[in-house]
N, C-alpha and C. Protein backbone atom coordinates (compact mmCIF):
# COMPACT_ATOMS: atom_id res chain seq x y z
N MET A 1 16.38 20.65 -0.73
CA MET A 1 15.14 20.90 -1.05
C MET A 1 14.62 19.90 -2.35
N ILE A 2 15.26 20.75 -3.34
CA ILE A 2 14.99 19.72 -4.82
C ILE A 2 15.48 18.86 -5.08
N LYS A 3 16.58 17.90 -4.23
CA LYS A 3 16.73 16.44 -3.88
C LYS A 3 15.87 15.61 -3.32
N ASN A 4 15.38 16.11 -2.31
CA ASN A 4 14.45 15.44 -1.65
C ASN A 4 13.31 15.65 -2.08
N MET A 5 12.44 16.77 -3.11
CA MET A 5 11.51 16.36 -3.97
C MET A 5 11.87 15.62 -5.17
N LEU A 6 12.98 15.47 -5.83
CA LEU A 6 12.99 14.12 -6.68
C LEU A 6 13.24 13.05 -6.00
N LEU A 7 13.63 12.82 -4.92
CA LEU A 7 13.56 11.49 -3.89
C LEU A 7 12.50 11.08 -3.87
N VAL A 8 11.31 11.89 -3.36
CA VAL A 8 10.12 11.36 -3.60
C VAL A 8 9.03 11.26 -4.60
N GLY A 9 9.48 12.49 -5.47
CA GLY A 9 9.29 11.70 -6.98
C GLY A 9 9.45 10.45 -7.41
N ALA A 10 10.60 10.27 -7.50
CA ALA A 10 11.70 9.09 -8.15
C ALA A 10 10.91 7.68 -7.23
N GLY A 11 10.45 8.35 -5.90
CA GLY A 11 9.72 6.50 -5.16
C GLY A 11 8.64 6.73 -5.73
N GLY A 12 7.87 8.17 -5.56
CA GLY A 12 6.64 7.71 -5.85
C GLY A 12 5.96 6.89 -7.39
N ALA A 13 6.98 7.85 -8.77
CA ALA A 13 6.52 6.95 -9.73
C ALA A 13 7.16 5.81 -9.80
N LEU A 14 7.97 5.12 -9.31
CA LEU A 14 7.92 3.72 -9.23
C LEU A 14 6.99 3.07 -8.08
N GLY A 15 6.18 3.47 -7.63
CA GLY A 15 5.45 3.10 -6.76
C GLY A 15 3.91 2.92 -7.20
N SER A 16 4.08 3.86 -7.95
CA SER A 16 3.08 4.02 -8.78
C SER A 16 2.51 3.25 -10.49
N ILE A 17 3.92 2.97 -10.42
CA ILE A 17 4.20 2.02 -11.73
C ILE A 17 4.08 0.73 -11.22
N ALA A 18 4.62 0.65 -10.21
CA ALA A 18 3.74 -1.35 -9.47
C ALA A 18 2.73 -1.29 -9.35
N ARG A 19 2.19 0.07 -8.43
CA ARG A 19 0.29 -0.04 -8.25
C ARG A 19 -0.25 -0.68 -9.31
N TYR A 20 -0.03 -0.01 -10.60
CA TYR A 20 -0.90 -0.20 -11.51
C TYR A 20 -0.39 -1.51 -12.69
N ALA A 21 0.85 -1.94 -12.43
CA ALA A 21 1.22 -3.44 -12.78
C ALA A 21 0.16 -4.22 -11.86
N VAL A 22 -0.10 -4.57 -10.64
CA VAL A 22 -0.73 -5.14 -9.74
C VAL A 22 -1.89 -5.06 -10.63
N SER A 23 -2.75 -3.89 -10.59
CA SER A 23 -4.12 -3.86 -11.04
C SER A 23 -4.13 -4.54 -12.76
N LEU A 24 -3.40 -4.16 -13.29
CA LEU A 24 -3.35 -4.85 -14.49
C LEU A 24 -3.13 -6.86 -14.33
N LEU A 25 -2.44 -6.67 -13.80
CA LEU A 25 -2.26 -8.61 -13.32
C LEU A 25 -3.64 -9.08 -12.86
N PHE A 26 -4.20 -8.13 -11.69
CA PHE A 26 -5.77 -9.11 -11.25
C PHE A 26 -6.52 -8.90 -12.63
N ALA A 27 -6.56 -7.40 -13.58
CA ALA A 27 -7.30 -7.56 -14.39
C ALA A 27 -7.37 -8.86 -15.22
N HIS A 28 -6.24 -9.06 -15.90
CA HIS A 28 -5.67 -10.00 -16.64
C HIS A 28 -6.01 -11.36 -16.20
N PHE A 29 -6.32 -11.62 -15.01
CA PHE A 29 -6.51 -13.03 -14.31
C PHE A 29 -8.23 -12.78 -14.12
N ALA A 30 -8.69 -11.67 -13.99
CA ALA A 30 -10.24 -11.47 -14.39
C ALA A 30 -10.66 -10.98 -12.66
N ILE A 31 -9.93 -11.26 -11.93
CA ILE A 31 -10.36 -10.84 -10.51
C ILE A 31 -10.64 -9.27 -9.90
N CYS A 32 -11.21 -9.46 -9.11
CA CYS A 32 -12.45 -7.83 -8.44
C CYS A 32 -11.24 -7.12 -8.21
N SER A 33 -11.25 -5.25 -8.89
CA SER A 33 -10.09 -4.90 -8.65
C SER A 33 -9.61 -4.51 -7.10
N HIS A 34 -11.30 -4.67 -6.12
CA HIS A 34 -10.83 -4.09 -4.71
C HIS A 34 -9.76 -5.08 -4.28
N TRP A 35 -9.93 -6.36 -4.73
CA TRP A 35 -9.29 -7.25 -4.41
C TRP A 35 -7.35 -6.96 -4.17
N ALA A 36 -7.12 -6.53 -5.65
CA ALA A 36 -6.02 -5.64 -5.82
C ALA A 36 -5.67 -4.39 -4.91
N THR A 37 -6.95 -3.99 -4.99
CA THR A 37 -6.33 -2.63 -3.91
C THR A 37 -6.01 -2.71 -2.43
N MET A 38 -7.08 -4.30 -2.07
CA MET A 38 -6.84 -4.95 -0.43
C MET A 38 -5.01 -5.30 -0.35
N LEU A 39 -4.62 -6.04 -1.87
CA LEU A 39 -3.52 -6.24 -1.63
C LEU A 39 -2.10 -5.26 -1.51
N VAL A 40 -2.38 -4.55 -2.30
CA VAL A 40 -1.31 -3.24 -2.56
C VAL A 40 -1.39 -2.51 -1.22
N ASN A 41 -2.69 -2.23 -0.30
CA ASN A 41 -2.42 -1.61 0.81
C ASN A 41 -2.10 -2.81 1.80
N VAL A 42 -1.96 -3.46 1.58
CA VAL A 42 -1.80 -4.56 2.91
C VAL A 42 0.10 -4.96 2.78
N VAL A 43 0.56 -4.55 1.71
CA VAL A 43 1.66 -5.08 1.20
C VAL A 43 2.41 -4.03 1.30
N GLY A 44 1.90 -2.67 0.83
CA GLY A 44 2.36 -1.44 1.33
C GLY A 44 2.56 -1.06 2.39
N SER A 45 1.54 -1.85 3.82
CA SER A 45 1.80 -1.51 4.44
C SER A 45 3.00 -2.20 5.20
N LEU A 46 2.85 -3.43 4.75
CA LEU A 46 4.29 -4.31 5.25
C LEU A 46 5.89 -3.52 5.28
N LEU A 47 5.59 -2.93 4.12
CA LEU A 47 6.86 -2.30 3.38
C LEU A 47 6.99 -0.91 4.18
N ILE A 48 6.06 -0.58 4.50
CA ILE A 48 6.36 0.67 5.12
C ILE A 48 6.90 0.11 6.43
N GLY A 49 6.51 -0.38 6.97
CA GLY A 49 6.97 -1.15 8.37
C GLY A 49 8.32 -1.95 8.27
N PHE A 50 8.56 -2.13 7.36
CA PHE A 50 10.25 -2.87 7.06
C PHE A 50 10.79 -1.42 6.94
N PHE A 51 10.40 -0.70 5.90
CA PHE A 51 11.38 0.70 6.02
C PHE A 51 11.58 1.29 6.79
N ILE A 52 10.76 1.72 7.62
CA ILE A 52 10.59 2.54 8.80
C ILE A 52 12.02 2.95 9.64
N PRO A 53 11.80 1.32 10.51
CA PRO A 53 13.13 1.27 11.20
C PRO A 53 14.77 1.29 10.73
N LEU A 54 14.87 1.13 9.41
CA LEU A 54 15.91 0.83 8.32
C LEU A 54 16.39 2.48 7.55
N PHE A 55 15.67 3.08 7.75
CA PHE A 55 16.03 4.31 6.43
C PHE A 55 16.21 5.23 7.07
N SER A 56 16.76 6.61 7.14
CA SER A 56 16.88 7.71 7.40
C SER A 56 16.54 8.76 6.20
N SER A 57 16.19 10.17 6.59
CA SER A 57 16.84 10.80 5.62
C SER A 57 16.24 10.78 4.45
N GLY A 58 17.09 10.88 3.02
CA GLY A 58 17.03 10.60 2.05
C GLY A 58 16.49 9.20 1.37
N ALA A 59 16.70 8.08 1.66
CA ALA A 59 16.44 6.83 1.93
C ALA A 59 15.18 6.81 2.39
N HIS A 60 14.49 7.42 3.50
CA HIS A 60 13.42 7.56 3.94
C HIS A 60 12.36 8.08 3.26
N LEU A 61 12.68 9.20 2.63
CA LEU A 61 11.76 10.17 1.26
C LEU A 61 11.57 9.39 0.45
N PHE A 62 12.32 8.60 -0.37
CA PHE A 62 12.70 7.80 -1.40
C PHE A 62 11.76 6.83 -1.13
N ALA A 63 11.91 5.79 -0.14
CA ALA A 63 11.01 4.72 0.24
C ALA A 63 9.82 4.94 0.80
N VAL A 64 9.74 5.03 2.19
CA VAL A 64 8.68 5.38 2.68
C VAL A 64 7.68 6.53 2.17
N VAL A 65 8.02 7.67 1.98
CA VAL A 65 7.06 8.57 1.31
C VAL A 65 6.82 8.44 -0.07
N GLY A 66 7.73 8.29 -0.89
CA GLY A 66 7.24 8.03 -2.29
C GLY A 66 7.01 6.78 -2.73
N LEU A 67 8.15 5.78 -2.25
CA LEU A 67 7.41 4.38 -3.05
C LEU A 67 6.61 4.27 -2.37
N CYS A 68 6.33 3.87 -0.87
CA CYS A 68 4.71 3.21 -0.32
C CYS A 68 3.80 4.27 -0.62
N GLY A 69 4.37 5.62 -0.46
CA GLY A 69 3.09 6.75 -0.95
C GLY A 69 2.62 5.87 -2.23
N GLY A 70 3.22 6.58 -3.10
CA GLY A 70 2.38 5.86 -4.35
C GLY A 70 2.00 4.64 -4.70
N PHE A 71 2.73 3.56 -4.06
CA PHE A 71 2.36 2.52 -4.32
C PHE A 71 0.67 2.00 -3.77
N THR A 72 0.44 2.48 -2.33
CA THR A 72 -0.39 2.30 -1.55
C THR A 72 -1.56 3.70 -2.56
N THR A 73 -3.27 2.86 -1.97
CA THR A 73 -4.42 3.42 -2.56
C THR A 73 -5.32 3.90 -1.60
N PHE A 74 -5.06 4.38 -0.74
CA PHE A 74 -6.23 5.02 0.29
C PHE A 74 -7.36 5.65 -0.48
N SER A 75 -7.21 6.31 -1.33
CA SER A 75 -8.74 7.23 -2.11
C SER A 75 -9.05 5.66 -3.09
N THR A 76 -8.24 5.34 -3.58
CA THR A 76 -8.86 3.83 -4.04
C THR A 76 -10.42 2.99 -3.91
N PHE A 77 -9.36 2.75 -2.57
CA PHE A 77 -9.81 1.91 -1.17
C PHE A 77 -11.79 2.24 -1.08
N SER A 78 -11.16 3.65 -0.43
CA SER A 78 -12.03 4.18 -0.28
C SER A 78 -13.56 4.24 -0.95
N LEU A 79 -13.17 4.74 -2.52
CA LEU A 79 -14.11 4.45 -3.37
C LEU A 79 -15.08 3.18 -3.61
N GLN A 80 -13.98 1.94 -3.63
CA GLN A 80 -14.09 0.77 -3.94
C GLN A 80 -14.86 0.70 -2.63
N ALA A 81 -15.09 0.86 -1.27
CA ALA A 81 -15.73 0.45 -0.61
C ALA A 81 -17.49 1.19 -0.26
N VAL A 82 -17.23 2.27 -0.82
CA VAL A 82 -18.62 3.13 -0.73
C VAL A 82 -19.50 2.57 -2.00
N GLN A 83 -18.44 2.28 -3.22
CA GLN A 83 -18.92 1.43 -4.43
C GLN A 83 -19.75 0.34 -4.02
N LEU A 84 -19.32 -0.77 -2.84
CA LEU A 84 -19.65 -2.15 -2.70
C LEU A 84 -20.83 -1.68 -2.00
N PHE A 85 -20.83 -0.78 -0.80
CA PHE A 85 -22.13 -0.06 -0.24
C PHE A 85 -23.11 0.23 -0.61
N GLN A 86 -22.82 1.05 -2.07
CA GLN A 86 -24.17 1.15 -3.16
C GLN A 86 -24.65 0.54 -3.74
N ALA A 87 -23.97 -0.72 -4.15
CA ALA A 87 -23.99 -1.96 -5.17
C ALA A 87 -24.85 -2.65 -3.76
N GLY A 88 -25.49 -2.46 -2.65
CA GLY A 88 -26.13 -3.25 -1.76
C GLY A 88 -25.46 -4.62 -1.58
N GLU A 89 -24.33 -4.65 -1.48
CA GLU A 89 -23.30 -5.76 -1.04
C GLU A 89 -22.72 -4.97 0.40
N ARG A 90 -23.51 -5.18 1.00
CA ARG A 90 -23.52 -4.19 2.23
C ARG A 90 -22.27 -4.99 3.18
N ALA A 91 -22.61 -6.63 3.31
CA ALA A 91 -21.34 -7.02 4.11
C ALA A 91 -20.32 -7.34 3.51
N SER A 92 -19.93 -7.42 1.92
CA SER A 92 -18.91 -7.67 1.19
C SER A 92 -18.35 -6.06 1.74
N ALA A 93 -18.54 -5.13 1.70
CA ALA A 93 -18.19 -3.96 1.64
C ALA A 93 -17.45 -3.58 3.36
N VAL A 94 -18.52 -3.94 4.30
CA VAL A 94 -17.87 -4.03 6.02
C VAL A 94 -16.70 -5.24 5.94
N ALA A 95 -16.80 -6.17 5.54
CA ALA A 95 -15.77 -7.46 5.44
C ALA A 95 -14.42 -6.81 4.69
N TYR A 96 -14.62 -6.16 3.53
CA TYR A 96 -13.57 -5.55 2.87
C TYR A 96 -12.77 -4.19 3.52
N VAL A 97 -13.62 -3.64 4.21
CA VAL A 97 -13.19 -2.54 5.18
C VAL A 97 -12.31 -3.08 6.47
N ALA A 98 -13.00 -4.08 6.76
CA ALA A 98 -12.38 -4.28 8.22
C ALA A 98 -10.92 -5.18 7.52
N ALA A 99 -11.46 -5.85 6.64
CA ALA A 99 -9.82 -6.58 6.78
C ALA A 99 -8.81 -5.98 6.00
N SER A 100 -9.03 -5.27 4.95
CA SER A 100 -8.10 -4.30 4.69
C SER A 100 -7.42 -3.22 5.77
N VAL A 101 -8.31 -2.77 6.97
CA VAL A 101 -7.61 -2.44 7.96
C VAL A 101 -6.74 -2.93 8.94
N ILE A 102 -7.38 -4.06 9.18
CA ILE A 102 -6.67 -4.75 10.16
C ILE A 102 -5.63 -5.34 9.37
N LEU A 103 -6.07 -5.99 8.25
CA LEU A 103 -4.53 -6.67 7.95
C LEU A 103 -3.47 -5.51 7.54
N SER A 104 -3.69 -4.60 6.96
CA SER A 104 -2.61 -3.23 6.99
C SER A 104 -1.99 -2.78 8.13
N VAL A 105 -2.62 -2.95 9.49
CA VAL A 105 -1.92 -2.27 10.49
C VAL A 105 -1.38 -3.87 10.84
N LEU A 106 -1.59 -4.99 11.05
CA LEU A 106 -0.73 -5.92 11.01
C LEU A 106 0.32 -6.02 10.40
N MET A 107 0.51 -5.64 8.83
CA MET A 107 1.74 -5.54 8.11
C MET A 107 2.55 -4.34 8.47
N VAL A 108 1.99 -3.89 9.01
CA VAL A 108 3.26 -2.38 9.52
C VAL A 108 3.75 -3.21 10.70
N LEU A 109 2.94 -3.89 11.74
CA LEU A 109 3.62 -4.29 12.71
C LEU A 109 4.57 -5.53 12.22
N LEU A 110 4.04 -6.39 11.59
CA LEU A 110 5.24 -7.63 10.94
C LEU A 110 5.99 -7.23 10.41
N GLY A 111 6.13 -5.69 9.61
CA GLY A 111 7.38 -5.16 8.85
C GLY A 111 8.43 -4.88 9.73
N MET A 112 7.91 -3.78 11.04
CA MET A 112 9.26 -3.42 12.05
C MET A 112 9.54 -4.59 12.26
N TYR A 113 8.82 -5.47 13.02
CA TYR A 113 9.16 -6.83 13.33
C TYR A 113 10.84 -7.68 12.60
N ILE A 114 9.90 -7.99 11.25
CA ILE A 114 11.11 -8.31 10.21
C ILE A 114 12.64 -7.32 10.17
N ALA A 115 12.22 -5.98 10.07
CA ALA A 115 13.29 -5.15 9.79
C ALA A 115 14.32 -5.41 11.21
N GLU A 116 13.50 -5.53 12.68
CA GLU A 116 14.10 -5.37 13.91
C GLU A 116 15.02 -6.00 13.84
N LYS A 117 14.84 -7.84 13.31
CA LYS A 117 15.19 -9.06 13.58
C LYS A 117 16.33 -8.69 12.47
N PHE A 118 15.74 -8.32 11.28
CA PHE A 118 17.38 -8.01 10.07
C PHE A 118 18.57 -6.90 10.60
N ILE A 119 17.92 -6.12 11.42
CA ILE A 119 19.16 -5.21 11.67
C ILE A 119 20.40 -5.64 12.45
N LYS A 120 19.61 -6.71 13.42
CA LYS A 120 20.34 -7.63 15.09
C LYS A 120 21.36 -8.19 14.14
């Protein structure tokens, strides 16, 4: 039980650090933070799709639950969507939500496809 918690915690720490690094990179180039969030969620979806068929038990806890869980940011995505709506940018908000969800689902499928090809 403790080992599993440490695996999730270690993966989560690395995922959170990577997430923060992406936000710093986008801020450095003066790119709106909601694009960083979308990128993180889309890349995280690709990674989780890739990791699911590859890992079991401990590696799964580290990579899927910890790393991807710490890296992706659904709560931030939700907040930014609300903020776009509140700012009167309804078309941008709808496009952001639709693109984030559609791309993230497609990336999970792509990650699974790549992992299956990698395994064979």
